[in-house]
PDB file of N, CA and C in Angstrom:
ATOM      1  N   MET A   1       0.825  -1.184  -0.043  1.00  0.00           N
ATOM      2  CA  MET A   1       0.007   0.024   0.014  1.00  0.00           C
ATOM      3  C   MET A   1       0.907   1.239   0.023  1.00  0.00           C
ATOM      4  N   ALA A   2       0.559   2.136  -0.835  1.00  0.00           N
ATOM      5  CA  ALA A   2       1.399   3.389  -0.972  1.00  0.00           C
ATOM      6  C   ALA A   2       1.038   4.288   0.180  1.00  0.00           C
ATOM      7  N   LEU A   3       2.000   5.119   0.597  1.00  0.00           N
ATOM      8  CA  LEU A   3       1.754   6.135   1.675  1.00  0.00           C
ATOM      9  C   LEU A   3       0.723   7.139   1.268  1.00  0.00           C
ATOM     10  N   SER A   4       0.707   7.429  -0.007  1.00  0.00           N
ATOM     11  CA  SER A   4      -0.222   8.487  -0.468  1.00  0.00           C
ATOM     12  C   SER A   4      -1.691   8.045  -0.296  1.00  0.00           C
ATOM     13  N   SER A   5      -1.945   6.722  -0.343  1.00  0.00           N
ATOM     14  CA  SER A   5      -3.268   6.276  -0.145  1.00  0.00           C
ATOM     15  C   SER A   5      -3.666   6.321   1.285  1.00  0.00           C
ATOM     16  N   ILE A   6      -2.740   6.230   2.153  1.00  0.00           N
ATOM     17  CA  ILE A   6      -2.982   6.398   3.680  1.00  0.00           C
ATOM     18  C   ILE A   6      -3.369   7.758   3.992  1.00  0.00           C
ATOM     19  N   PHE A   7      -2.771   8.745   3.334  1.00  0.00           N
ATOM     20  CA  PHE A   7      -2.980  10.175   3.640  1.00  0.00           C
ATOM     21  C   PHE A   7      -4.054  10.836   2.732  1.00  0.00           C
ATOM     22  N   GLY A   8      -4.769  10.022   1.967  1.00  0.00           N
ATOM     23  CA  GLY A   8      -5.875  10.619   1.195  1.00  0.00           C
ATOM     24  C   GLY A   8      -5.553  10.997  -0.156  1.00  0.00           C
ATOM     25  N   GLY A   9      -4.436  10.700  -0.730  1.00  0.00           N
ATOM     26  CA  GLY A   9      -4.050  11.096  -2.028  1.00  0.00           C
ATOM     27  C   GLY A   9      -3.784   9.882  -2.889  1.00  0.00           C
ATOM     28  N   GLY A  10      -3.653  10.110  -4.149  1.00  0.00           N
ATOM     29  CA  GLY A  10      -3.247   9.063  -5.099  1.00  0.00           C
ATOM     30  C   GLY A  10      -2.019   9.505  -5.759  1.00  0.00           C
ATOM     31  N   SER A  11      -1.315   8.653  -6.408  1.00  0.00           N
ATOM     32  CA  SER A  11      -0.140   9.013  -7.161  1.00  0.00           C
ATOM     33  C   SER A  11      -0.588   9.830  -8.376  1.00  0.00           C
ATOM     34  N   PRO A  12       0.242  10.763  -8.743  1.00  0.00           N
ATOM     35  CA  PRO A  12      -0.145  11.639  -9.852  1.00  0.00           C
ATOM     36  C   PRO A  12      -0.465  10.872 -11.109  1.00  0.00           C
ATOM     37  N   SER A  13       0.205   9.663 -11.300  1.00  0.00           N
ATOM     38  CA  SER A  13      -0.070   8.939 -12.491  1.00  0.00           C
ATOM     39  C   SER A  13      -1.410   8.239 -12.453  1.00  0.00           C
ATOM     40  N   GLN A  14      -2.008   8.117 -11.272  1.00  0.00           N
ATOM     41  CA  GLN A  14      -3.279   7.419 -11.073  1.00  0.00           C
ATOM     42  C   GLN A  14      -4.455   8.481 -11.188  1.00  0.00           C
ATOM     43  N   GLN A  15      -4.133   9.724 -11.066  1.00  0.00           N
ATOM     44  CA  GLN A  15      -5.179  10.747 -11.096  1.00  0.00           C
ATOM     45  C   GLN A  15      -5.602  11.040 -12.529  1.00  0.00           C
ATOM     46  N   ASN A  16      -6.836  11.373 -12.690  1.00  0.00           N
ATOM     47  CA  ASN A  16      -7.379  11.732 -14.000  1.00  0.00           C
ATOM     48  C   ASN A  16      -7.201  13.268 -14.118  1.00  0.00           C
ATOM     49  N   THR A  17      -6.266  13.732 -14.910  1.00  0.00           N
ATOM     50  CA  THR A  17      -5.956  15.086 -15.011  1.00  0.00           C
ATOM     51  C   THR A  17      -6.728  15.842 -16.137  1.00  0.00           C
ATOM     52  N   ALA A  18      -7.394  15.047 -16.920  1.00  0.00           N
ATOM     53  CA  ALA A  18      -8.163  15.644 -18.066  1.00  0.00           C
ATOM     54  C   ALA A  18      -9.423  16.256 -17.541  1.00  0.00           C
ATOM     55  N   ILE A  19      -9.690  17.528 -17.868  1.00  0.00           N
ATOM     56  CA  ILE A  19     -10.880  18.186 -17.497  1.00  0.00           C
ATOM     57  C   ILE A  19     -11.651  18.519 -18.857  1.00  0.00           C
ATOM     58  N   PRO A  20     -12.890  17.961 -18.950  1.00  0.00           N
ATOM     59  CA  PRO A  20     -13.600  18.180 -20.156  1.00  0.00           C
ATOM     60  C   PRO A  20     -13.915  19.714 -20.350  1.00  0.00           C
ATOM     61  N   SER A  21     -13.828  20.166 -21.550  1.00  0.00           N
ATOM     62  CA  SER A  21     -14.107  21.597 -21.817  1.00  0.00           C
ATOM     63  C   SER A  21     -15.638  21.846 -21.880  1.00  0.00           C
ATOM     64  N   THR A  22     -16.499  20.807 -21.980  1.00  0.00           N
ATOM     65  CA  THR A  22     -17.842  21.020 -22.117  1.00  0.00           C
ATOM     66  C   THR A  22     -18.528  21.159 -20.756  1.00  0.00           C
ATOM     67  N   SER A  23     -17.791  20.916 -19.679  1.00  0.00           N
ATOM     68  CA  SER A  23     -18.339  21.006 -18.304  1.00  0.00           C
ATOM     69  C   SER A  23     -18.592  22.431 -17.963  1.00  0.00           C
ATOM     70  N   GLY A  24     -19.485  22.674 -17.039  1.00  0.00           N
ATOM     71  CA  GLY A  24     -19.791  23.935 -16.469  1.00  0.00           C
ATOM     72  C   GLY A  24     -18.580  24.413 -15.654  1.00  0.00           C
ATOM     73  N   SER A  25     -18.522  25.708 -15.359  1.00  0.00           N
ATOM     74  CA  SER A  25     -17.398  26.313 -14.618  1.00  0.00           C
ATOM     75  C   SER A  25     -17.432  25.712 -13.192  1.00  0.00           C
ATOM     76  N   SER A  26     -18.584  25.430 -12.571  1.00  0.00           N
ATOM     77  CA  SER A  26     -18.577  24.870 -11.243  1.00  0.00           C
ATOM     78  C   SER A  26     -17.975  23.471 -11.191  1.00  0.00           C
ATOM     79  N   SER A  27     -18.225  22.709 -12.299  1.00  0.00           N
ATOM     80  CA  SER A  27     -17.685  21.351 -12.372  1.00  0.00           C
ATOM     81  C   SER A  27     -16.167  21.435 -12.538  1.00  0.00           C
ATOM     82  N   VAL A  28     -15.699  22.340 -13.316  1.00  0.00           N
ATOM     83  CA  VAL A  28     -14.269  22.554 -13.518  1.00  0.00           C
ATOM     84  C   VAL A  28     -13.588  22.957 -12.231  1.00  0.00           C
ATOM     85  N   THR A  29     -14.260  23.919 -11.518  1.00  0.00           N
ATOM     86  CA  THR A  29     -13.702  24.347 -10.279  1.00  0.00           C
ATOM     87  C   THR A  29     -13.676  23.161  -9.218  1.00  0.00           C
ATOM     88  N   ALA A  30     -14.700  22.393  -9.172  1.00  0.00           N
ATOM     89  CA  ALA A  30     -14.737  21.268  -8.201  1.00  0.00           C
ATOM     90  C   ALA A  30     -13.625  20.296  -8.576  1.00  0.00           C
ATOM     91  N   LYS A  31     -13.462  20.018  -9.805  1.00  0.00           N
ATOM     92  CA  LYS A  31     -12.386  19.032 -10.236  1.00  0.00           C
ATOM     93  C   LYS A  31     -11.017  19.570  -9.902  1.00  0.00           C
ATOM     94  N   LEU A  32     -10.820  20.900 -10.122  1.00  0.00           N
ATOM     95  CA  LEU A  32      -9.532  21.487  -9.787  1.00  0.00           C
ATOM     96  C   LEU A  32      -9.223  21.447  -8.293  1.00  0.00           C
ATOM     97  N   LYS A  33     -10.290  21.799  -7.488  1.00  0.00           N
ATOM     98  CA  LYS A  33     -10.167  21.702  -6.072  1.00  0.00           C
ATOM     99  C   LYS A  33      -9.779  20.291  -5.619  1.00  0.00           C
ATOM    100  N   GLU A  34     -10.434  19.332  -6.185  1.00  0.00           N
ATOM    101  CA  GLU A  34     -10.161  17.946  -5.791  1.00  0.00           C
ATOM    102  C   GLU A  34      -8.745  17.507  -6.156  1.00  0.00           C
ATOM    103  N   GLN A  35      -8.301  17.934  -7.357  1.00  0.00           N
ATOM    104  CA  GLN A  35      -6.934  17.623  -7.756  1.00  0.00           C
ATOM    105  C   GLN A  35      -5.912  18.320  -6.834  1.00  0.00           C
ATOM    106  N   ILE A  36      -6.120  19.539  -6.544  1.00  0.00           N
ATOM    107  CA  ILE A  36      -5.256  20.288  -5.606  1.00  0.00           C
ATOM    108  C   ILE A  36      -5.206  19.593  -4.271  1.00  0.00           C
ATOM    109  N   ALA A  37      -6.387  19.166  -3.738  1.00  0.00           N
ATOM    110  CA  ALA A  37      -6.402  18.458  -2.401  1.00  0.00           C
ATOM    111  C   ALA A  37      -5.660  17.165  -2.478  1.00  0.00           C
ATOM    112  N   GLN A  38      -5.778  16.442  -3.594  1.00  0.00           N
ATOM    113  CA  GLN A  38      -4.927  15.234  -3.721  1.00  0.00           C
ATOM    114  C   GLN A  38      -3.512  15.471  -3.790  1.00  0.00           C
ATOM    115  N   GLU A  39      -3.067  16.463  -4.508  1.00  0.00           N
ATOM    116  CA  GLU A  39      -1.684  16.818  -4.666  1.00  0.00           C
ATOM    117  C   GLU A  39      -1.099  17.322  -3.226  1.00  0.00           C
ATOM    118  N   LEU A  40      -1.959  18.089  -2.531  1.00  0.00           N
ATOM    119  CA  LEU A  40      -1.508  18.508  -1.180  1.00  0.00           C
ATOM    120  C   LEU A  40      -1.358  17.300  -0.285  1.00  0.00           C
ATOM    121  N   ALA A  41      -2.274  16.375  -0.379  1.00  0.00           N
ATOM    122  CA  ALA A  41      -2.187  15.120   0.493  1.00  0.00           C
ATOM    123  C   ALA A  41      -0.880  14.345   0.192  1.00  0.00           C
ATOM    124  N   VAL A  42      -0.582  14.250  -1.074  1.00  0.00           N
ATOM    125  CA  VAL A  42       0.714  13.571  -1.487  1.00  0.00           C
ATOM    126  C   VAL A  42       1.905  14.355  -0.992  1.00  0.00           C
ATOM    127  N   ALA A  43       1.862  15.665  -1.104  1.00  0.00           N
ATOM    128  CA  ALA A  43       2.962  16.500  -0.628  1.00  0.00           C
ATOM    129  C   ALA A  43       3.156  16.407   0.872  1.00  0.00           C
ATOM    130  N   ASN A  44       2.042  16.391   1.592  1.00  0.00           N
ATOM    131  CA  ASN A  44       2.111  16.245   3.069  1.00  0.00           C
ATOM    132  C   ASN A  44       2.654  14.902   3.481  1.00  0.00           C
ATOM    133  N   ALA A  45       2.247  13.813   2.752  1.00  0.00           N
ATOM    134  CA  ALA A  45       2.752  12.518   3.085  1.00  0.00           C
ATOM    135  C   ALA A  45       4.215  12.403   2.839  1.00  0.00           C
ATOM    136  N   THR A  46       4.649  13.013   1.713  1.00  0.00           N
ATOM    137  CA  THR A  46       6.029  13.006   1.348  1.00  0.00           C
ATOM    138  C   THR A  46       6.894  13.781   2.396  1.00  0.00           C
ATOM    139  N   GLU A  47       6.357  14.924   2.806  1.00  0.00           N
ATOM    140  CA  GLU A  47       7.024  15.690   3.802  1.00  0.00           C
ATOM    141  C   GLU A  47       7.185  14.896   5.177  1.00  0.00           C
ATOM    142  N   LEU A  48       6.091  14.212   5.521  1.00  0.00           N
ATOM    143  CA  LEU A  48       6.078  13.424   6.786  1.00  0.00           C
ATOM    144  C   LEU A  48       7.214  12.400   6.669  1.00  0.00           C
ATOM    145  N   VAL A  49       7.230  11.597   5.565  1.00  0.00           N
ATOM    146  CA  VAL A  49       8.218  10.520   5.363  1.00  0.00           C
ATOM    147  C   VAL A  49       9.618  11.125   5.415  1.00  0.00           C
ATOM    148  N   ASN A  50       9.802  12.279   4.708  1.00  0.00           N
ATOM    149  CA  ASN A  50      11.165  12.882   4.646  1.00  0.00           C
ATOM    150  C   ASN A  50      11.598  13.356   6.074  1.00  0.00           C
ATOM    151  N   LYS A  51      10.713  13.946   6.790  1.00  0.00           N
ATOM    152  CA  LYS A  51      11.061  14.425   8.122  1.00  0.00           C
ATOM    153  C   LYS A  51      11.311  13.322   9.091  1.00  0.00           C
ATOM    154  N   THR A  52      10.449  12.277   9.110  1.00  0.00           N
ATOM    155  CA  THR A  52      10.693  11.230  10.061  1.00  0.00           C
ATOM    156  C   THR A  52      11.944  10.389   9.700  1.00  0.00           C
ATOM    157  N   THR A  53      12.207  10.215   8.399  1.00  0.00           N
ATOM    158  CA  THR A  53      13.397   9.593   8.035  1.00  0.00           C
ATOM    159  C   THR A  53      14.633  10.359   8.540  1.00  0.00           C
ATOM    160  N   GLU A  54      14.649  11.631   8.244  1.00  0.00           N
ATOM    161  CA  GLU A  54      15.741  12.466   8.606  1.00  0.00           C
ATOM    162  C   GLU A  54      15.973  12.477  10.144  1.00  0.00           C
ATOM    163  N   ASN A  55      14.857  12.791  10.860  1.00  0.00           N
ATOM    164  CA  ASN A  55      15.018  12.958  12.350  1.00  0.00           C
ATOM    165  C   ASN A  55      15.276  11.601  13.016  1.00  0.00           C
ATOM    166  N   CYS A  56      14.554  10.548  12.684  1.00  0.00           N
ATOM    167  CA  CYS A  56      14.718   9.314  13.381  1.00  0.00           C
ATOM    168  C   CYS A  56      16.014   8.674  13.031  1.00  0.00           C
ATOM    169  N   PHE A  57      16.464   8.719  11.782  1.00  0.00           N
ATOM    170  CA  PHE A  57      17.738   8.140  11.479  1.00  0.00           C
ATOM    171  C   PHE A  57      18.898   8.947  12.073  1.00  0.00           C
ATOM    172  N   GLU A  58      18.826  10.231  12.120  1.00  0.00           N
ATOM    173  CA  GLU A  58      19.877  11.039  12.787  1.00  0.00           C
ATOM    174  C   GLU A  58      19.985  10.728  14.245  1.00  0.00           C
ATOM    175  N   LYS A  59      18.806  10.492  14.907  1.00  0.00           N
ATOM    176  CA  LYS A  59      18.779  10.232  16.330  1.00  0.00           C
ATOM    177  C   LYS A  59      19.215   8.819  16.641  1.00  0.00           C
ATOM    178  N   CYS A  60      18.814   7.882  15.859  1.00  0.00           N
ATOM    179  CA  CYS A  60      18.947   6.468  16.231  1.00  0.00           C
ATOM    180  C   CYS A  60      20.115   5.734  15.627  1.00  0.00           C
ATOM    181  N   LEU A  61      20.479   6.060  14.391  1.00  0.00           N
ATOM    182  CA  LEU A  61      21.537   5.292  13.773  1.00  0.00           C
ATOM    183  C   LEU A  61      22.919   5.637  14.269  1.00  0.00           C
ATOM    184  N   THR A  62      23.606   4.593  14.613  1.00  0.00           N
ATOM    185  CA  THR A  62      25.051   4.773  14.994  1.00  0.00           C
ATOM    186  C   THR A  62      25.824   3.808  14.131  1.00  0.00           C
ATOM    187  N   SER A  63      27.079   4.022  14.118  1.00  0.00           N
ATOM    188  CA  SER A  63      28.014   3.111  13.316  1.00  0.00           C
ATOM    189  C   SER A  63      28.752   2.235  14.288  1.00  0.00           C
ATOM    190  N   PRO A  64      28.887   1.028  14.080  1.00  0.00           N
ATOM    191  CA  PRO A  64      28.188   0.174  13.081  1.00  0.00           C
ATOM    192  C   PRO A  64      26.765  -0.125  13.455  1.00  0.00           C
ATOM    193  N   TYR A  65      26.019  -0.468  12.505  1.00  0.00           N
ATOM    194  CA  TYR A  65      24.574  -0.708  12.629  1.00  0.00           C
ATOM    195  C   TYR A  65      24.365  -1.925  13.606  1.00  0.00           C
ATOM    196  N   SER A  66      23.407  -1.833  14.499  1.00  0.00           N
ATOM    197  CA  SER A  66      23.090  -2.888  15.476  1.00  0.00           C
ATOM    198  C   SER A  66      21.601  -3.042  15.579  1.00  0.00           C
ATOM    199  N   ASN A  67      21.075  -4.096  16.141  1.00  0.00           N
ATOM    200  CA  ASN A  67      19.703  -4.296  16.371  1.00  0.00           C
ATOM    201  C   ASN A  67      19.066  -3.288  17.267  1.00  0.00           C
ATOM    202  N   THR A  68      19.858  -2.760  18.177  1.00  0.00           N
ATOM    203  CA  THR A  68      19.248  -1.754  19.065  1.00  0.00           C
ATOM    204  C   THR A  68      18.830  -0.514  18.319  1.00  0.00           C
ATOM    205  N   ASN A  69      19.492  -0.213  17.202  1.00  0.00           N
ATOM    206  CA  ASN A  69      19.135   0.928  16.369  1.00  0.00           C
ATOM    207  C   ASN A  69      17.742   0.731  15.782  1.00  0.00           C
ATOM    208  N   GLU A  70      17.419  -0.554  15.447  1.00  0.00           N
ATOM    209  CA  GLU A  70      16.115  -0.877  14.853  1.00  0.00           C
ATOM    210  C   GLU A  70      15.016  -0.527  15.826  1.00  0.00           C
ATOM    211  N   ALA A  71      15.199  -0.948  17.073  1.00  0.00           N
ATOM    212  CA  ALA A  71      14.148  -0.620  18.057  1.00  0.00           C
ATOM    213  C   ALA A  71      13.885   0.891  18.252  1.00  0.00           C
ATOM    214  N   CYS A  72      14.998   1.604  18.201  1.00  0.00           N
ATOM    215  CA  CYS A  72      14.916   3.093  18.371  1.00  0.00           C
ATOM    216  C   CYS A  72      14.194   3.647  17.204  1.00  0.00           C
ATOM    217  N   ILE A  73      14.488   3.226  15.999  1.00  0.00           N
ATOM    218  CA  ILE A  73      13.828   3.684  14.822  1.00  0.00           C
ATOM    219  C   ILE A  73      12.354   3.405  14.859  1.00  0.00           C
ATOM    220  N   ASP A  74      11.953   2.219  15.217  1.00  0.00           N
ATOM    221  CA  ASP A  74      10.546   1.826  15.332  1.00  0.00           C
ATOM    222  C   ASP A  74       9.828   2.709  16.280  1.00  0.00           C
ATOM    223  N   GLN A  75      10.388   2.906  17.486  1.00  0.00           N
ATOM    224  CA  GLN A  75       9.753   3.826  18.494  1.00  0.00           C
ATOM    225  C   GLN A  75       9.655   5.285  17.955  1.00  0.00           C
ATOM    226  N   CYS A  76      10.628   5.776  17.309  1.00  0.00           N
ATOM    227  CA  CYS A  76      10.670   7.112  16.807  1.00  0.00           C
ATOM    228  C   CYS A  76       9.550   7.289  15.746  1.00  0.00           C
ATOM    229  N   LEU A  77       9.511   6.341  14.804  1.00  0.00           N
ATOM    230  CA  LEU A  77       8.519   6.410  13.822  1.00  0.00           C
ATOM    231  C   LEU A  77       7.091   6.323  14.362  1.00  0.00           C
ATOM    232  N   ALA A  78       6.919   5.411  15.345  1.00  0.00           N
ATOM    233  CA  ALA A  78       5.609   5.347  15.992  1.00  0.00           C
ATOM    234  C   ALA A  78       5.176   6.703  16.653  1.00  0.00           C
ATOM    235  N   LYS A  79       6.141   7.370  17.212  1.00  0.00           N
ATOM    236  CA  LYS A  79       5.815   8.670  17.870  1.00  0.00           C
ATOM    237  C   LYS A  79       5.443   9.657  16.850  1.00  0.00           C
ATOM    238  N   TYR A  80       6.163   9.697  15.724  1.00  0.00           N
ATOM    239  CA  TYR A  80       5.833  10.617  14.621  1.00  0.00           C
ATOM    240  C   TYR A  80       4.435  10.323  14.046  1.00  0.00           C
ATOM    241  N   MET A  81       4.136   9.116  13.899  1.00  0.00           N
ATOM    242  CA  MET A  81       2.807   8.759  13.323  1.00  0.00           C
ATOM    243  C   MET A  81       1.672   9.094  14.268  1.00  0.00           C
ATOM    244  N   ARG A  82       1.877   8.884  15.601  1.00  0.00           N
ATOM    245  CA  ARG A  82       0.845   9.216  16.561  1.00  0.00           C
ATOM    246  C   ARG A  82       0.661  10.750  16.546  1.00  0.00           C
ATOM    247  N   SER A  83       1.719  11.498  16.549  1.00  0.00           N
ATOM    248  CA  SER A  83       1.666  12.964  16.490  1.00  0.00           C
ATOM    249  C   SER A  83       0.972  13.430  15.232  1.00  0.00           C
ATOM    250  N   TRP A  84       1.399  12.839  14.077  1.00  0.00           N
ATOM    251  CA  TRP A  84       0.724  13.164  12.826  1.00  0.00           C
ATOM    252  C   TRP A  84      -0.693  13.069  12.868  1.00  0.00           C
ATOM    253  N   ASN A  85      -1.145  11.894  13.362  1.00  0.00           N
ATOM    254  CA  ASN A  85      -2.631  11.593  13.452  1.00  0.00           C
ATOM    255  C   ASN A  85      -3.366  12.558  14.362  1.00  0.00           C
ATOM    256  N   ILE A  86      -2.778  12.905  15.485  1.00  0.00           N
ATOM    257  CA  ILE A  86      -3.404  13.896  16.405  1.00  0.00           C
ATOM    258  C   ILE A  86      -3.591  15.228  15.734  1.00  0.00           C
ATOM    259  N   VAL A  87      -2.438  15.710  15.135  1.00  0.00           N
ATOM    260  CA  VAL A  87      -2.449  17.067  14.475  1.00  0.00           C
ATOM    261  C   VAL A  87      -3.372  17.014  13.291  1.00  0.00           C
ATOM    262  N   SER A  88      -3.471  15.941  12.523  1.00  0.00           N
ATOM    263  CA  SER A  88      -4.366  15.902  11.372  1.00  0.00           C
ATOM    264  C   SER A  88      -5.843  15.890  11.810  1.00  0.00           C
ATOM    265  N   LYS A  89      -6.158  15.171  12.837  1.00  0.00           N
ATOM    266  CA  LYS A  89      -7.511  15.160  13.388  1.00  0.00           C
ATOM    267  C   LYS A  89      -7.930  16.559  13.859  1.00  0.00           C
ATOM    268  N   ALA A  90      -7.063  17.225  14.499  1.00  0.00           N
ATOM    269  CA  ALA A  90      -7.387  18.568  15.036  1.00  0.00           C
ATOM    270  C   ALA A  90      -7.516  19.537  13.818  1.00  0.00           C
ATOM    271  N   TYR A  91      -6.675  19.412  12.882  1.00  0.00           N
ATOM    272  CA  TYR A  91      -6.768  20.299  11.672  1.00  0.00           C
ATOM    273  C   TYR A  91      -8.100  20.034  10.932  1.00  0.00           C
ATOM    274  N   ILE A  92      -8.419  18.851  10.718  1.00  0.00           N
ATOM    275  CA  ILE A  92      -9.692  18.451  10.016  1.00  0.00           C
ATOM    276  C   ILE A  92     -10.866  18.989  10.796  1.00  0.00           C
ATOM    277  N   ALA A  93     -10.861  18.850  12.098  1.00  0.00           N
ATOM    278  CA  ALA A  93     -11.972  19.308  12.965  1.00  0.00           C
ATOM    279  C   ALA A  93     -12.129  20.808  12.783  1.00  0.00           C
ATOM    280  N   ARG A  94     -11.011  21.568  12.752  1.00  0.00           N
ATOM    281  CA  ARG A  94     -11.083  23.038  12.636  1.00  0.00           C
ATOM    282  C   ARG A  94     -11.597  23.412  11.237  1.00  0.00           C
ATOM    283  N   ILE A  95     -11.213  22.704  10.224  1.00  0.00           N
ATOM    284  CA  ILE A  95     -11.684  23.004   8.897  1.00  0.00           C
ATOM    285  C   ILE A  95     -13.138  22.754   8.790  1.00  0.00           C
ATOM    286  N   GLN A  96     -13.679  21.624   9.343  1.00  0.00           N
ATOM    287  CA  GLN A  96     -15.018  21.323   9.296  1.00  0.00           C
ATOM    288  C   GLN A  96     -15.827  22.398  10.117  1.00  0.00           C
ATOM    289  N   GLN A  97     -15.311  22.735  11.275  1.00  0.00           N
ATOM    290  CA  GLN A  97     -15.972  23.741  12.103  1.00  0.00           C
ATOM    291  C   GLN A  97     -16.098  25.119  11.353  1.00  0.00           C
ATOM    292  N   ALA A  98     -15.048  25.478  10.746  1.00  0.00           N
ATOM    293  CA  ALA A  98     -15.007  26.722   9.976  1.00  0.00           C
ATOM    294  C   ALA A  98     -15.961  26.638   8.759  1.00  0.00           C
ATOM    295  N   SER A  99     -16.014  25.462   8.193  1.00  0.00           N
ATOM    296  CA  SER A  99     -16.879  25.250   6.989  1.00  0.00           C
ATOM    297  C   SER A  99     -18.357  25.371   7.419  1.00  0.00           C
ATOM    298  N   THR A 100     -18.712  24.707   8.557  1.00  0.00           N
ATOM    299  CA  THR A 100     -20.103  24.769   8.983  1.00  0.00           C
ATOM    300  C   THR A 100     -20.557  26.154   9.528  1.00  0.00           C
ATOM    301  N   SER A 101     -19.567  26.896  10.020  1.00  0.00           N
ATOM    302  CA  SER A 101     -19.919  28.213  10.541  1.00  0.00           C
ATOM    303  C   SER A 101     -19.908  29.346   9.448  1.00  0.00           C
ATOM    304  N   GLY A 102     -19.428  28.921   8.228  1.00  0.00           N
ATOM    305  CA  GLY A 102     -19.449  29.861   7.127  1.00  0.00           C
ATOM    306  C   GLY A 102     -18.252  30.674   6.987  1.00  0.00           C
ATOM    307  N   GLU A 103     -17.149  30.349   7.664  1.00  0.00           N
ATOM    308  CA  GLU A 103     -15.898  31.160   7.677  1.00  0.00           C
ATOM    309  C   GLU A 103     -15.052  30.822   6.396  1.00  0.00           C
ATOM    310  N   ILE A 104     -15.387  29.700   5.739  1.00  0.00           N
ATOM    311  CA  ILE A 104     -14.656  29.375   4.532  1.00  0.00           C
ATOM    312  C   ILE A 104     -15.467  29.761   3.295  1.00  0.00           C
TER     313      ILE A 104
END
Protein backbone atom coordinates (compact mmCIF):
# COMPACT_ATOMS: atom_id res chain seq x y z
CA MET A 1 0.00 0.00 0.00
CA ALA A 2 1.39 3.38 -0.96
CA LEU A 3 1.73 6.06 1.70
CA SER A 4 -0.22 8.47 -0.43
CA SER A 5 -3.30 6.28 -0.15
CA ILE A 6 -2.99 6.36 3.64
CA PHE A 7 -3.01 10.15 3.65
CA GLY A 8 -5.87 10.60 1.24
CA GLY A 9 -4.08 11.11 -2.05
CA GLY A 10 -3.24 9.05 -5.05
CA SER A 11 -0.15 9.02 -7.14
CA PRO A 12 -0.15 11.64 -9.87
CA SER A 13 -0.08 8.91 -12.51
CA GLN A 14 -3.30 7.46 -11.09
CA GLN A 15 -5.15 10.76 -11.11
CA ASN A 16 -7.35 11.77 -13.99
CA THR A 17 -5.96 15.15 -14.99
CA ALA A 18 -8.15 15.66 -18.05
CA ILE A 19 -10.89 18.21 -17.52
CA PRO A 20 -13.61 18.20 -20.18
CA SER A 21 -14.11 21.58 -21.81
CA THR A 22 -17.88 21.03 -22.11
CA SER A 23 -18.37 20.99 -18.32
CA GLY A 24 -19.76 23.98 -16.48
CA SER A 25 -17.42 26.26 -14.59
CA SER A 26 -18.57 24.87 -11.23
CA SER A 27 -17.69 21.36 -12.39
CA VAL A 28 -14.25 22.49 -13.52
CA THR A 29 -13.72 24.34 -10.24
CA ALA A 30 -14.73 21.27 -8.23
CA LYS A 31 -12.37 19.05 -10.22
CA LEU A 32 -9.51 21.50 -9.79
CA LYS A 33 -10.13 21.71 -6.04
CA GLU A 34 -10.18 17.91 -5.81
CA GLN A 35 -6.94 17.62 -7.78
CA ILE A 36 -5.26 20.26 -5.61
CA ALA A 37 -6.43 18.48 -2.45
CA GLN A 38 -4.99 15.20 -3.72
CA GLU A 39 -1.69 16.82 -4.63
CA LEU A 40 -1.49 18.48 -1.19
CA ALA A 41 -2.16 15.14 0.49
CA VAL A 42 0.69 13.56 -1.47
CA ALA A 43 2.98 16.50 -0.65
CA ASN A 44 2.10 16.26 3.06
CA ALA A 45 2.73 12.51 3.10
CA THR A 46 6.06 13.00 1.34
CA GLU A 47 7.06 15.68 3.83
CA LEU A 48 6.13 13.41 6.76
CA VAL A 49 8.21 10.55 5.38
CA ASN A 50 11.17 12.84 4.69
CA LYS A 51 11.08 14.45 8.13
CA THR A 52 10.65 11.19 10.03
CA THR A 53 13.43 9.57 8.05
CA GLU A 54 15.76 12.49 8.61
CA ASN A 55 15.03 12.95 12.32
CA CYS A 56 14.71 9.31 13.37
CA PHE A 57 17.76 8.13 11.47
CA GLU A 58 19.87 11.02 12.79
CA LYS A 59 18.76 10.24 16.32
CA CYS A 60 18.94 6.47 16.21
CA LEU A 61 21.56 5.29 13.76
CA THR A 62 25.04 4.76 15.01
CA SER A 63 27.98 3.14 13.33
CA PRO A 64 28.21 0.19 13.08
CA TYR A 65 24.57 -0.74 12.67
CA SER A 66 23.09 -2.88 15.45
CA ASN A 67 19.70 -4.33 16.37
CA THR A 68 19.26 -1.72 19.10
CA ASN A 69 19.13 0.90 16.36
CA GLU A 70 16.12 -0.84 14.84
CA ALA A 71 14.12 -0.61 18.07
CA CYS A 72 14.94 3.08 18.40
CA ILE A 73 13.82 3.76 14.82
CA ASP A 74 10.58 1.82 15.34
CA GLN A 75 9.76 3.81 18.46
CA CYS A 76 10.67 7.11 16.83
CA LEU A 77 8.52 6.40 13.77
CA ALA A 78 5.60 5.34 15.98
CA LYS A 79 5.82 8.63 17.88
CA TYR A 80 5.84 10.63 14.64
CA MET A 81 2.81 8.75 13.32
CA ARG A 82 0.85 9.26 16.56
CA SER A 83 1.68 12.96 16.50
CA TRP A 84 0.77 13.22 12.80
CA ASN A 85 -2.62 11.59 13.47
CA ILE A 86 -3.40 13.90 16.40
CA VAL A 87 -2.46 17.03 14.46
CA SER A 88 -4.36 15.87 11.37
CA LYS A 89 -7.54 15.16 13.35
CA ALA A 90 -7.38 18.58 15.03
CA TYR A 91 -6.77 20.29 11.69
CA ILE A 92 -9.67 18.48 10.00
CA ALA A 93 -11.96 19.31 12.93
CA ARG A 94 -11.09 23.00 12.64
CA ILE A 95 -11.64 23.00 8.89
CA GLN A 96 -15.03 21.33 9.33
CA GLN A 97 -15.98 23.73 12.10
CA ALA A 98 -15.01 26.72 9.97
CA SER A 99 -16.90 25.25 7.02
CA THR A 100 -20.12 24.79 8.98
CA SER A 101 -19.90 28.25 10.53
CA GLY A 102 -19.46 29.83 7.12
CA GLU A 103 -15.92 31.12 7.65
CA ILE A 104 -14.63 29.37 4.53
